[in-house]
C-alpha atoms as a PDB file:
ATOM      1  CA  MET A   1     -26.450 -20.355  30.533  1.00  0.00           C
ATOM      2  CA  ALA A   2     -27.244 -22.943  27.879  1.00  0.00           C
ATOM      3  CA  THR A   3     -29.323 -21.885  24.911  1.00  0.00           C
ATOM      4  CA  ASP A   4     -30.740 -23.550  21.850  1.00  0.00           C
ATOM      5  CA  ASN A   5     -28.844 -21.236  19.489  1.00  0.00           C
ATOM      6  CA  TRP A   6     -27.026 -22.912  16.606  1.00  0.00           C
ATOM      7  CA  ILE A   7     -25.208 -21.825  13.397  1.00  0.00           C
ATOM      8  CA  ASN A   8     -24.081 -23.724  10.325  1.00  0.00           C
ATOM      9  CA  VAL A   9     -21.577 -21.898   8.085  1.00  0.00           C
ATOM     10  CA  LYS A  10     -20.187 -23.054   4.754  1.00  0.00           C
ATOM     11  CA  GLN A  11     -18.044 -21.372   2.088  1.00  0.00           C
ATOM     12  CA  ASP A  12     -18.256 -22.285  -1.596  1.00  0.00           C
ATOM     13  CA  PRO A  13     -14.663 -22.906  -2.721  1.00  0.00           C
ATOM     14  CA  GLU A  14     -15.241 -21.665  -6.273  1.00  0.00           C
ATOM     15  CA  SER A  15     -17.135 -18.428  -5.808  1.00  0.00           C
ATOM     16  CA  GLY A  16     -16.138 -17.715  -2.176  1.00  0.00           C
ATOM     17  CA  ILE A  17     -19.826 -17.183  -1.336  1.00  0.00           C
ATOM     18  CA  GLU A  18     -20.691 -18.038   2.295  1.00  0.00           C
ATOM     19  CA  THR A  19     -24.004 -19.571   3.278  1.00  0.00           C
ATOM     20  CA  ILE A  20     -25.258 -19.440   6.823  1.00  0.00           C
ATOM     21  CA  ARG A  21     -28.240 -21.151   8.404  1.00  0.00           C
ATOM     22  CA  ALA A  22     -28.800 -20.206  12.008  1.00  0.00           C
ATOM     23  CA  HIS A  23     -31.279 -20.180  14.898  1.00  0.00           C
ATOM     24  CA  PHE A  24     -31.278 -17.682  17.802  1.00  0.00           C
ATOM     25  CA  GLU A  25     -33.386 -17.116  20.850  1.00  0.00           C
ATOM     26  CA  GLY A  26     -33.342 -13.766  22.650  1.00  0.00           C
ATOM     27  CA  HIS A  27     -30.250 -11.720  21.890  1.00  0.00           C
ATOM     28  CA  ALA A  28     -28.565 -12.831  18.672  1.00  0.00           C
ATOM     29  CA  TYR A  29     -25.706 -10.366  17.995  1.00  0.00           C
ATOM     30  CA  ASP A  30     -24.519  -6.855  18.704  1.00  0.00           C
ATOM     31  CA  PRO A  31     -24.556  -4.023  16.136  1.00  0.00           C
ATOM     32  CA  HIS A  32     -22.044  -4.809  13.418  1.00  0.00           C
ATOM     33  CA  TRP A  33     -21.594  -4.774   9.637  1.00  0.00           C
ATOM     34  CA  HIS A  34     -20.210  -6.938   6.870  1.00  0.00           C
ATOM     35  CA  ASP A  35     -18.208  -6.057   3.783  1.00  0.00           C
ATOM     36  CA  SER A  36     -20.463  -8.315   1.723  1.00  0.00           C
ATOM     37  CA  TYR A  37     -23.982  -8.041   0.351  1.00  0.00           C
ATOM     38  CA  LEU A  38     -26.321 -10.001   2.619  1.00  0.00           C
ATOM     39  CA  ILE A  39     -29.351 -11.681   1.047  1.00  0.00           C
ATOM     40  CA  GLY A  40     -31.464 -14.041   3.030  1.00  0.00           C
ATOM     41  CA  PHE A  41     -34.875 -14.967   4.352  1.00  0.00           C
ATOM     42  CA  THR A  42     -36.468 -15.751   7.706  1.00  0.00           C
ATOM     43  CA  GLU A  43     -37.587 -19.354   7.911  1.00  0.00           C
ATOM     44  CA  GLN A  44     -39.383 -19.341  11.264  1.00  0.00           C
ATOM     45  CA  GLY A  45     -40.278 -16.888  14.016  1.00  0.00           C
ATOM     46  CA  VAL A  46     -39.699 -13.176  14.146  1.00  0.00           C
ATOM     47  CA  GLN A  47     -36.243 -11.720  13.381  1.00  0.00           C
ATOM     48  CA  GLN A  48     -36.006  -8.172  14.770  1.00  0.00           C
ATOM     49  CA  PHE A  49     -33.150  -5.850  13.839  1.00  0.00           C
ATOM     50  CA  HIS A  50     -32.185  -2.227  13.414  1.00  0.00           C
ATOM     51  CA  CYS A  51     -30.870  -1.106  10.048  1.00  0.00           C
ATOM     52  CA  ARG A  52     -30.889   2.262   8.224  1.00  0.00           C
ATOM     53  CA  LYS A  53     -32.073   3.808  11.486  1.00  0.00           C
ATOM     54  CA  GLU A  54     -35.293   1.784  11.431  1.00  0.00           C
ATOM     55  CA  LEU A  55     -36.565  -1.200  13.428  1.00  0.00           C
ATOM     56  CA  HIS A  56     -37.428  -4.101  11.138  1.00  0.00           C
ATOM     57  CA  ASN A  57     -39.430  -7.241  11.853  1.00  0.00           C
ATOM     58  CA  SER A  58     -38.815 -10.079   9.421  1.00  0.00           C
ATOM     59  CA  THR A  59     -41.285 -12.943   9.773  1.00  0.00           C
ATOM     60  CA  ALA A  60     -41.406 -16.392   8.159  1.00  0.00           C
ATOM     61  CA  GLY A  61     -41.118 -16.107   4.394  1.00  0.00           C
ATOM     62  CA  GLN A  62     -39.752 -12.546   4.454  1.00  0.00           C
ATOM     63  CA  VAL A  63     -36.642 -11.706   2.408  1.00  0.00           C
ATOM     64  CA  PHE A  64     -34.094  -9.290   3.851  1.00  0.00           C
ATOM     65  CA  MET A  65     -31.217  -7.595   2.059  1.00  0.00           C
ATOM     66  CA  LEU A  66     -28.343  -5.507   3.393  1.00  0.00           C
ATOM     67  CA  GLU A  67     -25.538  -3.672   1.617  1.00  0.00           C
ATOM     68  CA  PRO A  68     -21.881  -3.765   2.605  1.00  0.00           C
ATOM     69  CA  GLY A  69     -21.244  -1.538   5.619  1.00  0.00           C
ATOM     70  CA  GLU A  70     -24.811  -1.352   6.817  1.00  0.00           C
ATOM     71  CA  ILE A  71     -24.901  -1.632  10.580  1.00  0.00           C
ATOM     72  CA  HIS A  72     -27.413  -4.073  11.997  1.00  0.00           C
ATOM     73  CA  ASP A  73     -28.085  -6.117  15.113  1.00  0.00           C
ATOM     74  CA  GLY A  74     -30.332  -9.094  15.812  1.00  0.00           C
ATOM     75  CA  TYR A  75     -32.902 -10.149  18.393  1.00  0.00           C
ATOM     76  CA  ALA A  76     -35.725 -12.653  18.765  1.00  0.00           C
ATOM     77  CA  PRO A  77     -38.630 -10.756  20.440  1.00  0.00           C
ATOM     78  CA  ALA A  78     -40.941 -13.777  20.656  1.00  0.00           C
ATOM     79  CA  PRO A  79     -40.634 -17.216  22.361  1.00  0.00           C
ATOM     80  CA  GLY A  80     -39.154 -19.888  20.151  1.00  0.00           C
ATOM     81  CA  GLY A  81     -36.678 -17.538  18.534  1.00  0.00           C
ATOM     82  CA  PHE A  82     -36.081 -17.264  14.809  1.00  0.00           C
ATOM     83  CA  THR A  83     -34.316 -19.280  12.115  1.00  0.00           C
ATOM     84  CA  TYR A  84     -32.875 -17.839   8.927  1.00  0.00           C
ATOM     85  CA  SER A  85     -30.785 -18.667   5.911  1.00  0.00           C
ATOM     86  CA  MET A  86     -28.452 -16.162   4.237  1.00  0.00           C
ATOM     87  CA  LEU A  87     -25.927 -15.671   1.441  1.00  0.00           C
ATOM     88  CA  TYR A  88     -22.846 -13.484   1.809  1.00  0.00           C
ATOM     89  CA  LEU A  89     -22.011 -12.119  -1.685  1.00  0.00           C
ATOM     90  CA  ASP A  90     -18.667 -10.466  -2.264  1.00  0.00           C
ATOM     91  CA  PRO A  91     -19.123  -6.971  -3.806  1.00  0.00           C
ATOM     92  CA  GLN A  92     -16.564  -7.616  -6.561  1.00  0.00           C
ATOM     93  CA  TRP A  93     -18.191 -10.944  -7.414  1.00  0.00           C
ATOM     94  CA  ILE A  94     -21.743  -9.610  -7.517  1.00  0.00           C
ATOM     95  CA  GLU A  95     -20.757  -6.570  -9.627  1.00  0.00           C
ATOM     96  CA  ARG A  96     -18.742  -8.673 -12.074  1.00  0.00           C
ATOM     97  CA  GLU A  97     -21.562 -11.190 -12.490  1.00  0.00           C
ATOM     98  CA  LEU A  98     -24.181  -8.541 -12.928  1.00  0.00           C
ATOM     99  CA  ARG A  99     -22.196  -6.756 -15.586  1.00  0.00           C
ATOM    100  CA  ALA A 100     -21.638 -10.038 -17.402  1.00  0.00           C
ATOM    101  CA  LEU A 101     -25.334 -10.871 -17.329  1.00  0.00           C
ATOM    102  CA  PHE A 102     -26.659  -7.367 -18.028  1.00  0.00           C
ATOM    103  CA  GLU A 103     -24.831  -5.312 -20.603  1.00  0.00           C
ATOM    104  CA  ASN A 104     -26.783  -2.156 -19.761  1.00  0.00           C
ATOM    105  CA  ALA A 105     -25.322  -1.875 -16.264  1.00  0.00           C
ATOM    106  CA  PRO A 106     -24.086   1.765 -15.894  1.00  0.00           C
ATOM    107  CA  ASP A 107     -20.349   2.489 -15.632  1.00  0.00           C
ATOM    108  CA  HIS A 108     -18.721   3.852 -12.462  1.00  0.00           C
ATOM    109  CA  CYS A 109     -21.659   2.653 -10.353  1.00  0.00           C
ATOM    110  CA  GLN A 110     -22.235  -0.101  -7.860  1.00  0.00           C
ATOM    111  CA  PRO A 111     -25.410  -2.038  -7.031  1.00  0.00           C
ATOM    112  CA  SER A 112     -27.609  -0.836  -4.162  1.00  0.00           C
ATOM    113  CA  PHE A 113     -30.744  -2.135  -2.479  1.00  0.00           C
ATOM    114  CA  ASP A 114     -33.790   0.115  -2.361  1.00  0.00           C
ATOM    115  CA  LYS A 115     -35.410  -1.666   0.564  1.00  0.00           C
ATOM    116  CA  THR A 116     -34.201  -3.782   3.467  1.00  0.00           C
ATOM    117  CA  LEU A 117     -37.367  -5.874   3.440  1.00  0.00           C
ATOM    118  CA  PRO A 118     -38.429  -6.030  -0.246  1.00  0.00           C
ATOM    119  CA  CYS A 119     -41.832  -7.215  -1.449  1.00  0.00           C
ATOM    120  CA  GLU A 120     -40.841  -9.483  -4.303  1.00  0.00           C
ATOM    121  CA  PRO A 121     -42.617 -12.915  -4.072  1.00  0.00           C
ATOM    122  CA  GLY A 122     -40.353 -14.525  -6.715  1.00  0.00           C
ATOM    123  CA  LEU A 123     -37.128 -13.658  -4.923  1.00  0.00           C
ATOM    124  CA  MET A 124     -37.305 -16.093  -2.001  1.00  0.00           C
ATOM    125  CA  PRO A 125     -37.462 -19.307  -4.102  1.00  0.00           C
ATOM    126  CA  CYS A 126     -34.307 -18.112  -5.904  1.00  0.00           C
ATOM    127  CA  ILE A 127     -32.514 -17.548  -2.588  1.00  0.00           C
ATOM    128  CA  VAL A 128     -33.635 -20.934  -1.295  1.00  0.00           C
ATOM    129  CA  ASN A 129     -32.346 -22.712  -4.420  1.00  0.00           C
ATOM    130  CA  ALA A 130     -29.007 -20.884  -4.281  1.00  0.00           C
ATOM    131  CA  VAL A 131     -28.538 -21.613  -0.581  1.00  0.00           C
ATOM    132  CA  LEU A 132     -29.341 -25.332  -1.024  1.00  0.00           C
ATOM    133  CA  ALA A 133     -27.163 -25.723  -4.087  1.00  0.00           C
ATOM    134  CA  LEU A 134     -24.163 -24.201  -2.286  1.00  0.00           C
ATOM    135  CA  GLN A 135     -24.714 -25.886   1.076  1.00  0.00           C
ATOM    136  CA  HIS A 136     -25.149 -29.348  -0.541  1.00  0.00           C
ATOM    137  CA  ASN A 137     -22.187 -28.851  -2.918  1.00  0.00           C
ATOM    138  CA  GLU A 138     -24.231 -29.592  -6.013  1.00  0.00           C
ATOM    139  CA  LEU A 139     -22.599 -29.899  -9.431  1.00  0.00           C
ATOM    140  CA  ARG A 140     -20.795 -26.746 -10.538  1.00  0.00           C
ATOM    141  CA  MET A 141     -23.294 -26.180 -13.315  1.00  0.00           C
ATOM    142  CA  VAL A 142     -26.218 -26.492 -10.891  1.00  0.00           C
ATOM    143  CA  ARG A 143     -24.601 -24.008  -8.465  1.00  0.00           C
ATOM    144  CA  GLN A 144     -23.944 -21.583 -11.273  1.00  0.00           C
ATOM    145  CA  ALA A 145     -27.456 -21.870 -12.673  1.00  0.00           C
ATOM    146  CA  SER A 146     -28.997 -21.202  -9.221  1.00  0.00           C
ATOM    147  CA  LEU A 147     -26.807 -18.130  -8.738  1.00  0.00           C
ATOM    148  CA  ASP A 148     -27.628 -16.825 -12.234  1.00  0.00           C
ATOM    149  CA  ALA A 149     -31.326 -17.190 -11.509  1.00  0.00           C
ATOM    150  CA  LEU A 150     -30.883 -15.315  -8.230  1.00  0.00           C
ATOM    151  CA  LEU A 151     -29.016 -12.495  -9.971  1.00  0.00           C
ATOM    152  CA  GLU A 152     -31.631 -12.209 -12.653  1.00  0.00           C
ATOM    153  CA  ARG A 153     -34.448 -11.871 -10.065  1.00  0.00           C
ATOM    154  CA  LEU A 154     -32.272  -9.653  -7.850  1.00  0.00           C
ATOM    155  CA  SER A 155     -31.730  -7.234 -10.707  1.00  0.00           C
ATOM    156  CA  ARG A 156     -35.357  -6.194 -10.416  1.00  0.00           C
ATOM    157  CA  GLN A 157     -34.636  -4.894  -6.904  1.00  0.00           C
ATOM    158  CA  LEU A 158     -31.375  -3.139  -7.628  1.00  0.00           C
ATOM    159  CA  LEU A 159     -30.531   0.534  -7.931  1.00  0.00           C
ATOM    160  CA  TRP A 160     -27.178   1.761  -9.189  1.00  0.00           C
ATOM    161  CA  ARG A 161     -25.373   4.453  -7.225  1.00  0.00           C
ATOM    162  CA  THR A 162     -22.172   6.283  -8.006  1.00  0.00           C
ATOM    163  CA  ARG A 163     -19.155   4.450  -6.735  1.00  0.00           C
ATOM    164  CA  ASP A 164     -17.454   5.951  -3.695  1.00  0.00           C
ATOM    165  CA  ALA A 165     -19.693   9.015  -3.787  1.00  0.00           C
ATOM    166  CA  VAL A 166     -19.405  11.103  -0.644  1.00  0.00           C
ATOM    167  CA  ASP A 167     -22.715  11.308   1.169  1.00  0.00           C
ATOM    168  CA  PRO A 168     -23.471  15.027   1.292  1.00  0.00           C
ATOM    169  CA  ARG A 169     -25.297  14.546   4.589  1.00  0.00           C
ATOM    170  CA  LEU A 170     -22.077  13.575   6.368  1.00  0.00           C
ATOM    171  CA  PRO A 171     -20.000  16.335   7.947  1.00  0.00           C
ATOM    172  CA  SER A 172     -16.492  16.557   6.562  1.00  0.00           C
ATOM    173  CA  VAL A 173     -14.955  15.852   9.981  1.00  0.00           C
ATOM    174  CA  VAL A 174     -16.829  12.517  10.110  1.00  0.00           C
ATOM    175  CA  ILE A 175     -15.604  11.552   6.663  1.00  0.00           C
ATOM    176  CA  ARG A 176     -12.015  12.347   7.683  1.00  0.00           C
ATOM    177  CA  ALA A 177     -12.383  10.304  10.888  1.00  0.00           C
ATOM    178  CA  ARG A 178     -13.796   7.308   8.975  1.00  0.00           C
ATOM    179  CA  ASP A 179     -10.983   7.456   6.410  1.00  0.00           C
ATOM    180  CA  TYR A 180      -8.368   7.713   9.143  1.00  0.00           C
ATOM    181  CA  LEU A 181      -9.755   4.664  10.928  1.00  0.00           C
ATOM    182  CA  HIS A 182      -9.772   2.647   7.715  1.00  0.00           C
ATOM    183  CA  GLY A 183      -6.166   3.596   7.116  1.00  0.00           C
ATOM    184  CA  HIS A 184      -4.943   2.860  10.657  1.00  0.00           C
ATOM    185  CA  PHE A 185      -7.217   0.113  12.021  1.00  0.00           C
ATOM    186  CA  GLN A 186      -4.336  -2.143  13.006  1.00  0.00           C
ATOM    187  CA  GLN A 187      -2.843   0.505  15.226  1.00  0.00           C
ATOM    188  CA  ASP A 188      -3.764   1.254  18.868  1.00  0.00           C
ATOM    189  CA  ILE A 189      -5.471   4.554  18.099  1.00  0.00           C
ATOM    190  CA  ASN A 190      -6.830   6.723  20.908  1.00  0.00           C
ATOM    191  CA  LEU A 191      -9.482   9.390  20.571  1.00  0.00           C
ATOM    192  CA  GLU A 192      -6.954  12.155  20.975  1.00  0.00           C
ATOM    193  CA  ASP A 193      -4.957  10.868  18.008  1.00  0.00           C
ATOM    194  CA  LEU A 194      -8.118  10.657  15.908  1.00  0.00           C
ATOM    195  CA  ALA A 195      -9.387  14.048  16.960  1.00  0.00           C
ATOM    196  CA  HIS A 196      -5.983  15.646  16.257  1.00  0.00           C
ATOM    197  CA  ALA A 197      -5.932  14.120  12.788  1.00  0.00           C
ATOM    198  CA  CYS A 198      -9.360  15.563  12.125  1.00  0.00           C
ATOM    199  CA  GLY A 199      -8.730  18.989  13.644  1.00  0.00           C
ATOM    200  CA  VAL A 200     -11.516  18.854  16.193  1.00  0.00           C
ATOM    201  CA  ASP A 201     -11.925  18.052  19.886  1.00  0.00           C
ATOM    202  CA  ARG A 202     -12.653  14.459  20.793  1.00  0.00           C
ATOM    203  CA  PHE A 203     -16.037  15.155  22.383  1.00  0.00           C
ATOM    204  CA  ARG A 204     -17.450  16.858  19.323  1.00  0.00           C
ATOM    205  CA  LEU A 205     -15.940  14.185  17.111  1.00  0.00           C
ATOM    206  CA  SER A 206     -17.480  11.324  19.088  1.00  0.00           C
ATOM    207  CA  ARG A 207     -20.948  12.883  19.032  1.00  0.00           C
ATOM    208  CA  ALA A 208     -20.821  13.598  15.303  1.00  0.00           C
ATOM    209  CA  PHE A 209     -19.389  10.164  14.482  1.00  0.00           C
ATOM    210  CA  LYS A 210     -22.028   8.241  16.406  1.00  0.00           C
ATOM    211  CA  ALA A 211     -24.818  10.354  14.904  1.00  0.00           C
ATOM    212  CA  ALA A 212     -23.546   9.572  11.437  1.00  0.00           C
ATOM    213  CA  PHE A 213     -22.742   5.880  11.730  1.00  0.00           C
ATOM    214  CA  GLY A 214     -24.636   4.622  14.760  1.00  0.00           C
ATOM    215  CA  LEU A 215     -21.392   3.546  16.415  1.00  0.00           C
ATOM    216  CA  ALA A 216     -18.815   5.353  18.491  1.00  0.00           C
ATOM    217  CA  PRO A 217     -15.330   5.578  16.911  1.00  0.00           C
ATOM    218  CA  HIS A 218     -13.951   2.767  19.098  1.00  0.00           C
ATOM    219  CA  ALA A 219     -16.800   0.463  18.171  1.00  0.00           C
ATOM    220  CA  TYR A 220     -16.316   1.290  14.484  1.00  0.00           C
ATOM    221  CA  LEU A 221     -12.596   0.460  14.872  1.00  0.00           C
ATOM    222  CA  VAL A 222     -13.454  -2.935  16.333  1.00  0.00           C
ATOM    223  CA  GLN A 223     -15.798  -3.614  13.398  1.00  0.00           C
ATOM    224  CA  LEU A 224     -13.026  -2.819  10.906  1.00  0.00           C
ATOM    225  CA  ARG A 225     -10.749  -5.292  12.684  1.00  0.00           C
ATOM    226  CA  LEU A 226     -13.463  -7.970  12.781  1.00  0.00           C
ATOM    227  CA  ALA A 227     -14.175  -7.604   9.060  1.00  0.00           C
ATOM    228  CA  GLN A 228     -10.462  -8.172   8.361  1.00  0.00           C
ATOM    229  CA  ALA A 229     -10.436 -11.069  10.851  1.00  0.00           C
ATOM    230  CA  ARG A 230     -13.085 -12.880   8.821  1.00  0.00           C
ATOM    231  CA  ARG A 231     -10.982 -12.487   5.649  1.00  0.00           C
ATOM    232  CA  LEU A 232      -7.852 -13.792   7.322  1.00  0.00           C
ATOM    233  CA  LEU A 233      -9.643 -16.721   9.057  1.00  0.00           C
ATOM    234  CA  ALA A 234     -11.292 -17.718   5.773  1.00  0.00           C
ATOM    235  CA  ASN A 235      -7.821 -17.848   4.258  1.00  0.00           C
ATOM    236  CA  GLY A 236      -6.675 -20.262   6.954  1.00  0.00           C
ATOM    237  CA  TRP A 237      -4.921 -17.974   9.453  1.00  0.00           C
ATOM    238  CA  PRO A 238      -4.979 -19.384  12.992  1.00  0.00           C
ATOM    239  CA  PRO A 239      -7.077 -17.203  15.379  1.00  0.00           C
ATOM    240  CA  ALA A 240      -4.051 -16.483  17.599  1.00  0.00           C
ATOM    241  CA  HIS A 241      -2.130 -15.061  14.620  1.00  0.00           C
ATOM    242  CA  VAL A 242      -5.158 -13.052  13.513  1.00  0.00           C
ATOM    243  CA  ALA A 243      -5.496 -11.551  17.009  1.00  0.00           C
ATOM    244  CA  ILE A 244      -1.846 -10.437  17.047  1.00  0.00           C
ATOM    245  CA  ASP A 245      -1.924  -9.038  13.532  1.00  0.00           C
ATOM    246  CA  LEU A 246      -5.058  -6.969  14.122  1.00  0.00           C
ATOM    247  CA  GLY A 247      -4.097  -5.487  17.480  1.00  0.00           C
ATOM    248  CA  PHE A 248      -6.344  -7.539  19.812  1.00  0.00           C
ATOM    249  CA  ALA A 249      -4.862  -8.210  23.215  1.00  0.00           C
ATOM    250  CA  ASP A 250      -4.909 -11.951  22.633  1.00  0.00           C
ATOM    251  CA  GLN A 251      -6.963 -14.728  21.011  1.00  0.00           C
ATOM    252  CA  SER A 252      -9.579 -14.590  23.816  1.00  0.00           C
ATOM    253  CA  HIS A 253     -10.027 -10.883  23.248  1.00  0.00           C
ATOM    254  CA  LEU A 254     -10.647 -11.494  19.553  1.00  0.00           C
ATOM    255  CA  GLY A 255     -13.011 -14.356  20.389  1.00  0.00           C
ATOM    256  CA  ARG A 256     -15.177 -12.278  22.692  1.00  0.00           C
ATOM    257  CA  TRP A 257     -15.711  -9.523  20.083  1.00  0.00           C
ATOM    258  CA  PHE A 258     -16.185 -12.070  17.268  1.00  0.00           C
ATOM    259  CA  ARG A 259     -18.926 -13.952  19.112  1.00  0.00           C
ATOM    260  CA  ARG A 260     -20.725 -10.758  20.052  1.00  0.00           C
ATOM    261  CA  ALA A 261     -20.829  -9.626  16.431  1.00  0.00           C
ATOM    262  CA  TYR A 262     -21.424 -12.932  14.609  1.00  0.00           C
ATOM    263  CA  GLY A 263     -22.707 -15.431  17.130  1.00  0.00           C
ATOM    264  CA  PHE A 264     -19.895 -17.989  16.717  1.00  0.00           C
ATOM    265  CA  THR A 265     -16.184 -18.273  17.482  1.00  0.00           C
ATOM    266  CA  PRO A 266     -13.235 -17.518  15.169  1.00  0.00           C
ATOM    267  CA  ALA A 267     -12.194 -21.186  15.315  1.00  0.00           C
ATOM    268  CA  ILE A 268     -15.607 -22.372  14.148  1.00  0.00           C
ATOM    269  CA  TYR A 269     -15.637 -19.825  11.304  1.00  0.00           C
ATOM    270  CA  ARG A 270     -12.116 -20.819  10.186  1.00  0.00           C
ATOM    271  CA  ARG A 271     -12.971 -24.517  10.289  1.00  0.00           C
ATOM    272  CA  SER A 272     -16.201 -23.959   8.345  1.00  0.00           C
ATOM    273  CA  CYS A 273     -14.364 -22.117   5.579  1.00  0.00           C
ATOM    274  CA  THR A 274     -11.236 -24.210   5.356  1.00  0.00           C
ATOM    275  CA  ASN A 275     -11.831 -27.583   7.103  1.00  0.00           C
ATOM    276  CA  LEU A 276      -8.684 -26.833   9.123  1.00  0.00           C
ATOM    277  CA  GLN A 277      -8.582 -27.648  12.829  1.00  0.00           C
ATOM    278  CA  ASP A 278      -7.021 -25.384  15.401  1.00  0.00           C
ATOM    279  CA  HIS A 279      -4.355 -26.885  17.678  1.00  0.00           C
ATOM    280  CA  TRP A 280      -4.261 -25.349  21.130  1.00  0.00           C
END
């Protein structure tokens, strides 16, 4: 069924920062995460999504911020859908830039967002300027100035948390399962393999894992593969090669999961990041 959904994606060649401007009506995307910091704002309509085990409603003019690994979905609950603009900031880039700009940044820590929907009126104009500068490929100095202004304003919203600290609320079996999936995500793992590696039965493991992360182990595994797929596609890999490398059945299988998570196809994402065309 035809919809009025649309997405524009662009990647800045110097910083690697992605900008997205998109419009969705009804269901936008399934629960998923990114390995980037997401900073954006809703332009029009109501953007409804789950994150941090809460239901959020972002309306026109509202800023939203998500950390790497935070699971979220997307839905337009009202007629007319919603439109938003967003920046994808690489964790290494944002930490390096923050430490360069602010000498008092603590060691052995990484930036964290206190709130998903912050109340900071001066933040949205900085996001708007950064998005426009990157999307319109302004002069390098203009792009850098807009990003510096964003980081300065963003610093007022940041917390610093210990890097790679184990969440004490997570059972040890869940941590072992997560680490095993991260280390074997290209393999065709079954639940018995995972449960055996964690020393627990698969039923108990599945319940504990979903309670901790909001996704069953198989869904988490797919998200790991999709995150890697984005990196490979942005580097110019053809979708068919990405599918084979990451253990998807074929390119169509990758495409179905990719669209459900991000709202567009692997080929569109690759072309937006590299200007390369796929040859079928």
